[in-house]
N, C-alpha and C. Protein backbone atom coordinates (compact mmCIF):
# COMPACT_ATOMS: atom_id res chain seq x y z
N MET A 1 -27.98 29.92 -20.32
CA MET A 1 -27.76 29.13 -19.13
C MET A 1 -27.01 29.97 -18.09
N PRO A 2 -27.48 30.03 -16.84
CA PRO A 2 -26.83 30.86 -15.82
C PRO A 2 -25.52 30.23 -15.35
N LYS A 3 -24.68 31.07 -14.79
CA LYS A 3 -23.42 30.60 -14.24
C LYS A 3 -23.66 29.79 -12.96
N VAL A 4 -22.73 28.92 -12.64
CA VAL A 4 -22.86 28.07 -11.45
C VAL A 4 -22.90 28.93 -10.19
N SER A 5 -22.08 29.98 -10.12
CA SER A 5 -22.06 30.81 -8.92
C SER A 5 -23.39 31.53 -8.70
N LEU A 6 -24.10 31.83 -9.77
CA LEU A 6 -25.41 32.47 -9.63
C LEU A 6 -26.48 31.47 -9.19
N MET A 7 -26.32 30.22 -9.59
CA MET A 7 -27.28 29.20 -9.19
C MET A 7 -27.13 28.86 -7.69
N GLN A 8 -25.94 28.95 -7.17
CA GLN A 8 -25.70 28.63 -5.77
C GLN A 8 -26.18 29.74 -4.84
N GLY A 9 -26.18 30.96 -5.32
CA GLY A 9 -26.58 32.07 -4.49
C GLY A 9 -25.41 32.77 -3.81
N THR A 10 -24.25 32.15 -3.80
CA THR A 10 -23.04 32.72 -3.21
C THR A 10 -21.91 32.56 -4.20
N PRO A 11 -21.13 33.60 -4.42
CA PRO A 11 -20.00 33.46 -5.34
C PRO A 11 -19.07 32.33 -4.90
N ALA A 12 -18.68 31.50 -5.84
CA ALA A 12 -17.89 30.32 -5.53
C ALA A 12 -16.50 30.67 -4.99
N HIS A 13 -15.95 31.80 -5.37
CA HIS A 13 -14.61 32.14 -4.93
C HIS A 13 -14.58 32.67 -3.49
N ILE A 14 -15.70 32.94 -2.88
CA ILE A 14 -15.75 33.46 -1.51
C ILE A 14 -15.85 32.32 -0.50
N GLU A 15 -16.60 31.28 -0.80
CA GLU A 15 -16.82 30.17 0.13
C GLU A 15 -15.77 29.08 -0.07
N PHE A 16 -15.19 28.61 1.02
CA PHE A 16 -14.27 27.49 0.98
C PHE A 16 -14.28 26.80 2.33
N LEU A 17 -13.84 25.55 2.35
CA LEU A 17 -13.79 24.79 3.60
C LEU A 17 -12.49 25.08 4.32
N LYS A 18 -12.56 25.16 5.62
CA LYS A 18 -11.39 25.43 6.43
C LYS A 18 -11.36 24.44 7.58
N SER A 19 -10.21 23.81 7.79
CA SER A 19 -10.11 22.83 8.86
C SER A 19 -9.88 23.53 10.19
N ASN A 20 -10.30 22.89 11.24
CA ASN A 20 -10.07 23.38 12.59
C ASN A 20 -8.75 22.79 13.07
N ASP A 21 -7.75 23.62 13.30
CA ASP A 21 -6.42 23.14 13.66
C ASP A 21 -6.39 22.40 14.99
N LYS A 22 -7.35 22.64 15.87
CA LYS A 22 -7.37 21.98 17.17
C LYS A 22 -7.78 20.52 17.06
N THR A 23 -8.55 20.16 16.05
CA THR A 23 -9.01 18.78 15.90
C THR A 23 -8.20 18.01 14.87
N ARG A 24 -7.28 18.67 14.19
CA ARG A 24 -6.49 18.00 13.16
C ARG A 24 -5.44 17.11 13.81
N ARG A 25 -5.34 15.89 13.32
CA ARG A 25 -4.36 14.95 13.85
C ARG A 25 -3.11 14.94 12.97
N HIS A 26 -1.96 14.95 13.61
CA HIS A 26 -0.69 14.85 12.90
C HIS A 26 0.28 14.11 13.80
N PRO A 27 1.07 13.19 13.25
CA PRO A 27 1.97 12.40 14.08
C PRO A 27 2.93 13.25 14.93
N SER A 28 3.33 14.41 14.44
CA SER A 28 4.27 15.23 15.22
C SER A 28 3.61 15.87 16.42
N HIS A 29 2.27 15.88 16.49
CA HIS A 29 1.56 16.44 17.63
C HIS A 29 1.24 15.39 18.69
N CYS A 30 1.51 14.13 18.41
CA CYS A 30 1.18 13.04 19.33
C CYS A 30 2.24 12.91 20.43
N ILE A 31 1.79 12.65 21.66
CA ILE A 31 2.74 12.53 22.77
C ILE A 31 3.55 11.24 22.68
N TYR A 32 3.08 10.25 21.93
CA TYR A 32 3.77 8.97 21.82
C TYR A 32 4.73 8.91 20.63
N ALA A 33 4.72 9.89 19.76
CA ALA A 33 5.58 9.88 18.58
C ALA A 33 6.94 10.46 18.92
N GLU A 34 7.99 9.73 18.56
CA GLU A 34 9.36 10.20 18.75
C GLU A 34 10.10 10.12 17.43
N GLY A 35 10.87 11.15 17.14
CA GLY A 35 11.63 11.19 15.90
C GLY A 35 11.04 12.21 14.94
N ILE A 36 11.64 12.30 13.77
CA ILE A 36 11.23 13.27 12.77
C ILE A 36 11.02 12.56 11.43
N GLY A 37 9.94 12.90 10.76
CA GLY A 37 9.68 12.38 9.41
C GLY A 37 9.52 10.88 9.38
N ARG A 38 10.25 10.25 8.45
CA ARG A 38 10.13 8.79 8.28
C ARG A 38 10.74 7.99 9.43
N SER A 39 11.55 8.63 10.23
CA SER A 39 12.16 7.93 11.36
C SER A 39 11.31 8.03 12.63
N ARG A 40 10.09 8.54 12.51
CA ARG A 40 9.18 8.69 13.67
C ARG A 40 8.65 7.31 14.08
N ILE A 41 8.77 6.99 15.37
CA ILE A 41 8.27 5.71 15.88
C ILE A 41 7.23 5.96 16.96
N CYS A 42 6.40 4.97 17.21
CA CYS A 42 5.36 5.04 18.23
C CYS A 42 5.91 4.44 19.52
N THR A 43 5.74 5.18 20.63
CA THR A 43 6.23 4.70 21.93
C THR A 43 5.10 4.36 22.89
N CYS A 44 3.91 4.15 22.37
CA CYS A 44 2.77 3.77 23.21
C CYS A 44 2.77 2.25 23.39
N PRO A 45 2.93 1.75 24.62
CA PRO A 45 3.00 0.30 24.85
C PRO A 45 1.72 -0.45 24.46
N GLN A 46 0.55 0.19 24.49
CA GLN A 46 -0.69 -0.49 24.15
C GLN A 46 -0.91 -0.58 22.63
N SER A 47 -0.20 0.21 21.86
CA SER A 47 -0.40 0.26 20.41
C SER A 47 0.14 -0.99 19.72
N GLU A 48 -0.52 -1.38 18.64
CA GLU A 48 -0.07 -2.54 17.88
C GLU A 48 1.19 -2.24 17.06
N ILE A 49 1.55 -0.96 16.90
CA ILE A 49 2.77 -0.59 16.17
C ILE A 49 3.84 -0.06 17.13
N TYR A 50 3.83 -0.53 18.36
CA TYR A 50 4.79 -0.11 19.38
C TYR A 50 6.22 -0.35 18.88
N ASN A 51 7.06 0.67 18.99
CA ASN A 51 8.44 0.66 18.51
C ASN A 51 8.56 0.39 17.02
N MET A 52 7.53 0.73 16.27
CA MET A 52 7.56 0.63 14.80
C MET A 52 7.29 2.01 14.23
N ARG A 53 7.45 2.14 12.94
CA ARG A 53 7.26 3.42 12.27
C ARG A 53 5.81 3.88 12.35
N CYS A 54 5.61 5.12 12.76
CA CYS A 54 4.28 5.72 12.82
C CYS A 54 4.00 6.38 11.47
N LYS A 55 3.17 5.76 10.66
CA LYS A 55 2.88 6.27 9.32
C LYS A 55 1.81 7.34 9.34
N SER A 56 0.80 7.15 10.19
CA SER A 56 -0.32 8.08 10.22
C SER A 56 -0.99 8.03 11.58
N SER A 57 -1.49 9.17 12.01
CA SER A 57 -2.23 9.23 13.27
C SER A 57 -3.73 9.31 13.02
N LYS A 58 -4.12 9.17 11.77
CA LYS A 58 -5.52 9.31 11.37
C LYS A 58 -6.44 8.32 12.10
N ASN A 59 -6.05 7.06 12.13
CA ASN A 59 -6.91 6.03 12.72
C ASN A 59 -6.32 5.45 14.01
N CYS A 60 -5.37 6.15 14.61
CA CYS A 60 -4.73 5.65 15.82
C CYS A 60 -5.69 5.77 17.02
N ASN A 61 -5.85 4.69 17.76
CA ASN A 61 -6.73 4.69 18.92
C ASN A 61 -6.08 5.32 20.15
N TYR A 62 -4.75 5.50 20.12
CA TYR A 62 -4.04 5.99 21.28
C TYR A 62 -3.47 7.40 21.08
N TYR A 63 -3.92 8.09 20.05
CA TYR A 63 -3.43 9.43 19.74
C TYR A 63 -3.84 10.43 20.84
N GLU A 64 -2.86 11.21 21.31
CA GLU A 64 -3.13 12.27 22.29
C GLU A 64 -2.26 13.47 21.93
N ASN A 65 -2.85 14.66 22.00
CA ASN A 65 -2.11 15.90 21.70
C ASN A 65 -1.08 16.18 22.78
N LYS A 66 0.01 16.82 22.37
CA LYS A 66 1.04 17.23 23.32
C LYS A 66 0.54 18.37 24.16
């Protein structure tokens, strides 16, 4: 039975996924996030979590890069 890397045509240790840092969302990069770590709050008046803890910017509709 052949090795998996030979069946793919490319050695498995050479190919890997890499994220694009420009499109990655993080609460510390948001213009509406104030504070550090768990004390980070959202300061966007239109957001449903206004003046509450910002847990994630993944699904935020008001996320904007600094």
